[in-house]
Amino acid sequence: MKGGTRRSLLVLGLLVVFLVCAYAVVMWEGSSSRADAPAFERVVAQVNCTVPRDARNAQNPLRANPDPG
């Protein structure tokens, strides 16, 4: 195996290990509904792109204080 190929595999392996560890931290700590999420959780949530941008930026159509009765 040539040196360049070996280096590429090493870098790829380290990247996979890092991503698996980062995923494990998020899953272990859990996703929370706290007012201020940890910075790492915010970054993962934004990069993940599971929620479309327009839905993420949408405002709640219900008011905070609904009319009584």
PDB file of N, CA and C in Angstrom:
ATOM      1  N   MET A   1       0.854  -1.171   0.000  1.00  0.00           N
ATOM      2  CA  MET A   1       0.000   0.000   0.000  1.00  0.00           C
ATOM      3  C   MET A   1       0.900   1.235   0.000  1.00  0.00           C
ATOM      4  N   LYS A   2       0.594   2.182  -0.837  1.00  0.00           N
ATOM      5  CA  LYS A   2       1.416   3.377  -0.937  1.00  0.00           C
ATOM      6  C   LYS A   2       1.170   4.301   0.245  1.00  0.00           C
ATOM      7  N   GLY A   3       2.123   5.197   0.486  1.00  0.00           N
ATOM      8  CA  GLY A   3       2.025   6.109   1.626  1.00  0.00           C
ATOM      9  C   GLY A   3       0.826   7.024   1.571  1.00  0.00           C
ATOM     10  N   GLY A   4       0.475   7.512   0.384  1.00  0.00           N
ATOM     11  CA  GLY A   4      -0.670   8.408   0.241  1.00  0.00           C
ATOM     12  C   GLY A   4      -1.987   7.713   0.543  1.00  0.00           C
ATOM     13  N   THR A   5      -2.102   6.468   0.100  1.00  0.00           N
ATOM     14  CA  THR A   5      -3.318   5.694   0.352  1.00  0.00           C
ATOM     15  C   THR A   5      -3.445   5.379   1.839  1.00  0.00           C
ATOM     16  N   ARG A   6      -2.335   5.032   2.447  1.00  0.00           N
ATOM     17  CA  ARG A   6      -2.347   4.726   3.878  1.00  0.00           C
ATOM     18  C   ARG A   6      -2.745   5.965   4.683  1.00  0.00           C
ATOM     19  N   ARG A   7      -2.213   7.112   4.301  1.00  0.00           N
ATOM     20  CA  ARG A   7      -2.549   8.362   4.993  1.00  0.00           C
ATOM     21  C   ARG A   7      -4.026   8.706   4.813  1.00  0.00           C
ATOM     22  N   SER A   8      -4.543   8.512   3.607  1.00  0.00           N
ATOM     23  CA  SER A   8      -5.962   8.791   3.348  1.00  0.00           C
ATOM     24  C   SER A   8      -6.860   7.904   4.196  1.00  0.00           C
ATOM     25  N   LEU A   9      -6.506   6.628   4.294  1.00  0.00           N
ATOM     26  CA  LEU A   9      -7.299   5.713   5.121  1.00  0.00           C
ATOM     27  C   LEU A   9      -7.225   6.084   6.592  1.00  0.00           C
ATOM     28  N   LEU A  10      -6.076   6.535   7.035  1.00  0.00           N
ATOM     29  CA  LEU A  10      -5.924   6.964   8.428  1.00  0.00           C
ATOM     30  C   LEU A  10      -6.792   8.180   8.717  1.00  0.00           C
ATOM     31  N   VAL A  11      -6.753   9.159   7.819  1.00  0.00           N
ATOM     32  CA  VAL A  11      -7.566  10.362   7.997  1.00  0.00           C
ATOM     33  C   VAL A  11      -9.051  10.010   7.962  1.00  0.00           C
ATOM     34  N   LEU A  12      -9.445   9.163   7.045  1.00  0.00           N
ATOM     35  CA  LEU A  12     -10.848   8.737   6.957  1.00  0.00           C
ATOM     36  C   LEU A  12     -11.268   8.003   8.224  1.00  0.00           C
ATOM     37  N   GLY A  13     -10.408   7.123   8.712  1.00  0.00           N
ATOM     38  CA  GLY A  13     -10.710   6.396   9.941  1.00  0.00           C
ATOM     39  C   GLY A  13     -10.853   7.321  11.138  1.00  0.00           C
ATOM     40  N   LEU A  14      -9.957   8.298  11.252  1.00  0.00           N
ATOM     41  CA  LEU A  14     -10.048   9.262  12.353  1.00  0.00           C
ATOM     42  C   LEU A  14     -11.313  10.107  12.255  1.00  0.00           C
ATOM     43  N   LEU A  15     -11.686  10.465  11.035  1.00  0.00           N
ATOM     44  CA  LEU A  15     -12.917  11.236  10.841  1.00  0.00           C
ATOM     45  C   LEU A  15     -14.137  10.423  11.259  1.00  0.00           C
ATOM     46  N   VAL A  16     -14.166   9.157  10.894  1.00  0.00           N
ATOM     47  CA  VAL A  16     -15.293   8.292  11.277  1.00  0.00           C
ATOM     48  C   VAL A  16     -15.357   8.148  12.795  1.00  0.00           C
ATOM     49  N   VAL A  17     -14.212   7.944  13.431  1.00  0.00           N
ATOM     50  CA  VAL A  17     -14.185   7.823  14.896  1.00  0.00           C
ATOM     51  C   VAL A  17     -14.686   9.110  15.541  1.00  0.00           C
ATOM     52  N   PHE A  18     -14.241  10.253  15.033  1.00  0.00           N
ATOM     53  CA  PHE A  18     -14.693  11.533  15.584  1.00  0.00           C
ATOM     54  C   PHE A  18     -16.203  11.699  15.433  1.00  0.00           C
ATOM     55  N   LEU A  19     -16.737  11.401  14.255  1.00  0.00           N
ATOM     56  CA  LEU A  19     -18.174  11.556  14.034  1.00  0.00           C
ATOM     57  C   LEU A  19     -18.993  10.601  14.905  1.00  0.00           C
ATOM     58  N   VAL A  20     -18.521   9.392  15.079  1.00  0.00           N
ATOM     59  CA  VAL A  20     -19.224   8.435  15.940  1.00  0.00           C
ATOM     60  C   VAL A  20     -19.212   8.925  17.383  1.00  0.00           C
ATOM     61  N   CYS A  21     -18.073   9.445  17.833  1.00  0.00           N
ATOM     62  CA  CYS A  21     -17.993   9.962  19.201  1.00  0.00           C
ATOM     63  C   CYS A  21     -18.890  11.183  19.386  1.00  0.00           C
ATOM     64  N   ALA A  22     -18.914  12.069  18.405  1.00  0.00           N
ATOM     65  CA  ALA A  22     -19.772  13.259  18.498  1.00  0.00           C
ATOM     66  C   ALA A  22     -21.242  12.849  18.546  1.00  0.00           C
ATOM     67  N   TYR A  23     -21.622  11.881  17.721  1.00  0.00           N
ATOM     68  CA  TYR A  23     -22.997  11.394  17.728  1.00  0.00           C
ATOM     69  C   TYR A  23     -23.339  10.764  19.078  1.00  0.00           C
ATOM     70  N   ALA A  24     -22.402  10.004  19.637  1.00  0.00           N
ATOM     71  CA  ALA A  24     -22.631   9.361  20.931  1.00  0.00           C
ATOM     72  C   ALA A  24     -22.820  10.405  22.034  1.00  0.00           C
ATOM     73  N   VAL A  25     -22.052  11.478  21.982  1.00  0.00           N
ATOM     74  CA  VAL A  25     -22.202  12.539  22.992  1.00  0.00           C
ATOM     75  C   VAL A  25     -23.582  13.163  22.893  1.00  0.00           C
ATOM     76  N   VAL A  26     -24.027  13.454  21.689  1.00  0.00           N
ATOM     77  CA  VAL A  26     -25.352  14.064  21.521  1.00  0.00           C
ATOM     78  C   VAL A  26     -26.436  13.104  21.987  1.00  0.00           C
ATOM     79  N   MET A  27     -26.313  11.830  21.641  1.00  0.00           N
ATOM     80  CA  MET A  27     -27.331  10.864  22.041  1.00  0.00           C
ATOM     81  C   MET A  27     -27.293  10.613  23.546  1.00  0.00           C
ATOM     82  N   TRP A  28     -26.120  10.611  24.142  1.00  0.00           N
ATOM     83  CA  TRP A  28     -26.000  10.362  25.570  1.00  0.00           C
ATOM     84  C   TRP A  28     -26.532  11.540  26.363  1.00  0.00           C
ATOM     85  N   GLU A  29     -26.133  12.731  25.984  1.00  0.00           N
ATOM     86  CA  GLU A  29     -26.622  13.928  26.665  1.00  0.00           C
ATOM     87  C   GLU A  29     -28.096  14.147  26.351  1.00  0.00           C
ATOM     88  N   GLY A  30     -28.516  13.692  25.214  1.00  0.00           N
ATOM     89  CA  GLY A  30     -29.907  13.819  24.822  1.00  0.00           C
ATOM     90  C   GLY A  30     -30.208  15.190  24.270  1.00  0.00           C
ATOM     91  N   SER A  31     -31.247  15.243  23.541  1.00  0.00           N
ATOM     92  CA  SER A  31     -31.732  16.514  23.028  1.00  0.00           C
ATOM     93  C   SER A  31     -32.695  17.059  24.069  1.00  0.00           C
ATOM     94  N   SER A  32     -32.608  18.322  24.331  1.00  0.00           N
ATOM     95  CA  SER A  32     -33.420  18.864  25.417  1.00  0.00           C
ATOM     96  C   SER A  32     -34.298  19.998  24.924  1.00  0.00           C
ATOM     97  N   SER A  33     -35.245  20.351  25.749  1.00  0.00           N
ATOM     98  CA  SER A  33     -36.132  21.470  25.433  1.00  0.00           C
ATOM     99  C   SER A  33     -35.842  22.651  26.347  1.00  0.00           C
ATOM    100  N   ARG A  34     -34.630  22.694  26.861  1.00  0.00           N
ATOM    101  CA  ARG A  34     -34.240  23.821  27.699  1.00  0.00           C
ATOM    102  C   ARG A  34     -34.226  25.087  26.865  1.00  0.00           C
ATOM    103  N   ALA A  35     -34.360  26.230  27.530  1.00  0.00           N
ATOM    104  CA  ALA A  35     -34.348  27.506  26.823  1.00  0.00           C
ATOM    105  C   ALA A  35     -33.023  27.710  26.093  1.00  0.00           C
ATOM    106  N   ASP A  36     -31.926  27.397  26.733  1.00  0.00           N
ATOM    107  CA  ASP A  36     -30.616  27.561  26.129  1.00  0.00           C
ATOM    108  C   ASP A  36     -29.951  26.198  25.967  1.00  0.00           C
ATOM    109  N   ALA A  37     -29.968  25.700  24.747  1.00  0.00           N
ATOM    110  CA  ALA A  37     -29.317  24.424  24.478  1.00  0.00           C
ATOM    111  C   ALA A  37     -27.807  24.635  24.439  1.00  0.00           C
ATOM    112  N   PRO A  38     -27.049  23.610  24.765  1.00  0.00           N
ATOM    113  CA  PRO A  38     -25.600  23.737  24.654  1.00  0.00           C
ATOM    114  C   PRO A  38     -25.190  24.066  23.218  1.00  0.00           C
ATOM    115  N   ALA A  39     -24.061  24.742  23.069  1.00  0.00           N
ATOM    116  CA  ALA A  39     -23.608  25.182  21.746  1.00  0.00           C
ATOM    117  C   ALA A  39     -23.420  24.002  20.797  1.00  0.00           C
ATOM    118  N   PHE A  40     -22.854  22.908  21.301  1.00  0.00           N
ATOM    119  CA  PHE A  40     -22.630  21.741  20.448  1.00  0.00           C
ATOM    120  C   PHE A  40     -23.946  21.190  19.922  1.00  0.00           C
ATOM    121  N   GLU A  41     -24.969  21.174  20.763  1.00  0.00           N
ATOM    122  CA  GLU A  41     -26.281  20.672  20.341  1.00  0.00           C
ATOM    123  C   GLU A  41     -26.899  21.575  19.275  1.00  0.00           C
ATOM    124  N   ARG A  42     -26.729  22.888  19.427  1.00  0.00           N
ATOM    125  CA  ARG A  42     -27.250  23.824  18.424  1.00  0.00           C
ATOM    126  C   ARG A  42     -26.563  23.613  17.076  1.00  0.00           C
ATOM    127  N   VAL A  43     -25.250  23.427  17.098  1.00  0.00           N
ATOM    128  CA  VAL A  43     -24.507  23.231  15.855  1.00  0.00           C
ATOM    129  C   VAL A  43     -24.946  21.946  15.167  1.00  0.00           C
ATOM    130  N   VAL A  44     -25.072  20.870  15.922  1.00  0.00           N
ATOM    131  CA  VAL A  44     -25.492  19.596  15.342  1.00  0.00           C
ATOM    132  C   VAL A  44     -26.902  19.718  14.770  1.00  0.00           C
ATOM    133  N   ALA A  45     -27.769  20.402  15.470  1.00  0.00           N
ATOM    134  CA  ALA A  45     -29.152  20.554  14.997  1.00  0.00           C
ATOM    135  C   ALA A  45     -29.205  21.383  13.715  1.00  0.00           C
ATOM    136  N   GLN A  46     -28.368  22.396  13.611  1.00  0.00           N
ATOM    137  CA  GLN A  46     -28.376  23.236  12.417  1.00  0.00           C
ATOM    138  C   GLN A  46     -27.725  22.537  11.238  1.00  0.00           C
ATOM    139  N   VAL A  47     -26.672  21.792  11.482  1.00  0.00           N
ATOM    140  CA  VAL A  47     -25.969  21.103  10.404  1.00  0.00           C
ATOM    141  C   VAL A  47     -26.769  19.904   9.918  1.00  0.00           C
ATOM    142  N   ASN A  48     -27.496  19.277  10.824  1.00  0.00           N
ATOM    143  CA  ASN A  48     -28.234  18.068  10.501  1.00  0.00           C
ATOM    144  C   ASN A  48     -29.243  18.286   9.375  1.00  0.00           C
ATOM    145  N   CYS A  49     -29.838  19.445   9.299  1.00  0.00           N
ATOM    146  CA  CYS A  49     -30.787  19.803   8.233  1.00  0.00           C
ATOM    147  C   CYS A  49     -32.005  18.886   8.202  1.00  0.00           C
ATOM    148  N   THR A  50     -32.424  18.387   9.351  1.00  0.00           N
ATOM    149  CA  THR A  50     -33.605  17.536   9.376  1.00  0.00           C
ATOM    150  C   THR A  50     -34.884  18.361   9.270  1.00  0.00           C
ATOM    151  N   VAL A  51     -34.813  19.615   9.649  1.00  0.00           N
ATOM    152  CA  VAL A  51     -35.964  20.504   9.560  1.00  0.00           C
ATOM    153  C   VAL A  51     -35.668  21.540   8.483  1.00  0.00           C
ATOM    154  N   PRO A  52     -36.556  21.694   7.503  1.00  0.00           N
ATOM    155  CA  PRO A  52     -36.313  22.694   6.467  1.00  0.00           C
ATOM    156  C   PRO A  52     -36.161  24.096   7.067  1.00  0.00           C
ATOM    157  N   ARG A  53     -35.363  24.920   6.419  1.00  0.00           N
ATOM    158  CA  ARG A  53     -35.068  26.253   6.933  1.00  0.00           C
ATOM    159  C   ARG A  53     -36.329  27.092   7.132  1.00  0.00           C
ATOM    160  N   ASP A  54     -37.279  27.047   6.180  1.00  0.00           N
ATOM    161  CA  ASP A  54     -38.489  27.859   6.335  1.00  0.00           C
ATOM    162  C   ASP A  54     -39.329  27.388   7.519  1.00  0.00           C
ATOM    163  N   ALA A  55     -39.341  26.085   7.778  1.00  0.00           N
ATOM    164  CA  ALA A  55     -40.072  25.580   8.942  1.00  0.00           C
ATOM    165  C   ALA A  55     -39.346  25.940  10.231  1.00  0.00           C
ATOM    166  N   ARG A  56     -38.019  25.918  10.197  1.00  0.00           N
ATOM    167  CA  ARG A  56     -37.239  26.248  11.383  1.00  0.00           C
ATOM    168  C   ARG A  56     -37.419  27.724  11.756  1.00  0.00           C
ATOM    169  N   ASN A  57     -37.598  28.586  10.758  1.00  0.00           N
ATOM    170  CA  ASN A  57     -37.733  30.018  11.015  1.00  0.00           C
ATOM    171  C   ASN A  57     -39.182  30.455  11.179  1.00  0.00           C
ATOM    172  N   ALA A  58     -40.129  29.543  11.030  1.00  0.00           N
ATOM    173  CA  ALA A  58     -41.541  29.901  11.130  1.00  0.00           C
ATOM    174  C   ALA A  58     -41.899  30.297  12.563  1.00  0.00           C
ATOM    175  N   GLN A  59     -42.844  31.204  12.679  1.00  0.00           N
ATOM    176  CA  GLN A  59     -43.317  31.618  13.995  1.00  0.00           C
ATOM    177  C   GLN A  59     -44.562  30.818  14.358  1.00  0.00           C
ATOM    178  N   ASN A  60     -44.772  30.652  15.650  1.00  0.00           N
ATOM    179  CA  ASN A  60     -45.927  29.933  16.152  1.00  0.00           C
ATOM    180  C   ASN A  60     -47.194  30.730  15.825  1.00  0.00           C
ATOM    181  N   PRO A  61     -48.187  30.122  15.157  1.00  0.00           N
ATOM    182  CA  PRO A  61     -49.407  30.857  14.823  1.00  0.00           C
ATOM    183  C   PRO A  61     -50.306  31.104  16.040  1.00  0.00           C
ATOM    184  N   LEU A  62     -50.072  30.389  17.126  1.00  0.00           N
ATOM    185  CA  LEU A  62     -50.859  30.579  18.341  1.00  0.00           C
ATOM    186  C   LEU A  62     -50.192  31.613  19.229  1.00  0.00           C
ATOM    187  N   ARG A  63     -50.965  32.427  19.856  1.00  0.00           N
ATOM    188  CA  ARG A  63     -50.404  33.440  20.745  1.00  0.00           C
ATOM    189  C   ARG A  63     -49.957  32.793  22.050  1.00  0.00           C
ATOM    190  N   ALA A  64     -49.075  33.476  22.740  1.00  0.00           N
ATOM    191  CA  ALA A  64     -48.575  32.959  24.013  1.00  0.00           C
ATOM    192  C   ALA A  64     -49.669  32.936  25.069  1.00  0.00           C
ATOM    193  N   ASN A  65     -50.558  33.909  25.047  1.00  0.00           N
ATOM    194  CA  ASN A  65     -51.669  33.993  26.012  1.00  0.00           C
ATOM    195  C   ASN A  65     -52.989  33.913  25.261  1.00  0.00           C
ATOM    196  N   PRO A  66     -53.561  32.717  25.159  1.00  0.00           N
ATOM    197  CA  PRO A  66     -54.827  32.590  24.421  1.00  0.00           C
ATOM    198  C   PRO A  66     -55.959  33.300  25.142  1.00  0.00           C
ATOM    199  N   ASP A  67     -56.977  33.643  24.377  1.00  0.00           N
ATOM    200  CA  ASP A  67     -58.148  34.310  24.948  1.00  0.00           C
ATOM    201  C   ASP A  67     -58.841  33.372  25.936  1.00  0.00           C
ATOM    202  N   PRO A  68     -59.274  33.891  27.095  1.00  0.00           N
ATOM    203  CA  PRO A  68     -59.988  33.034  28.051  1.00  0.00           C
ATOM    204  C   PRO A  68     -61.387  32.704  27.528  1.00  0.00           C
ATOM    205  N   GLY A  69     -61.819  31.533  27.919  1.00  0.00           N
ATOM    206  CA  GLY A  69     -63.204  31.162  27.660  1.00  0.00           C
ATOM    207  C   GLY A  69     -63.407  30.483  26.419  1.00  0.00           C
TER     208      GLY A  69
END
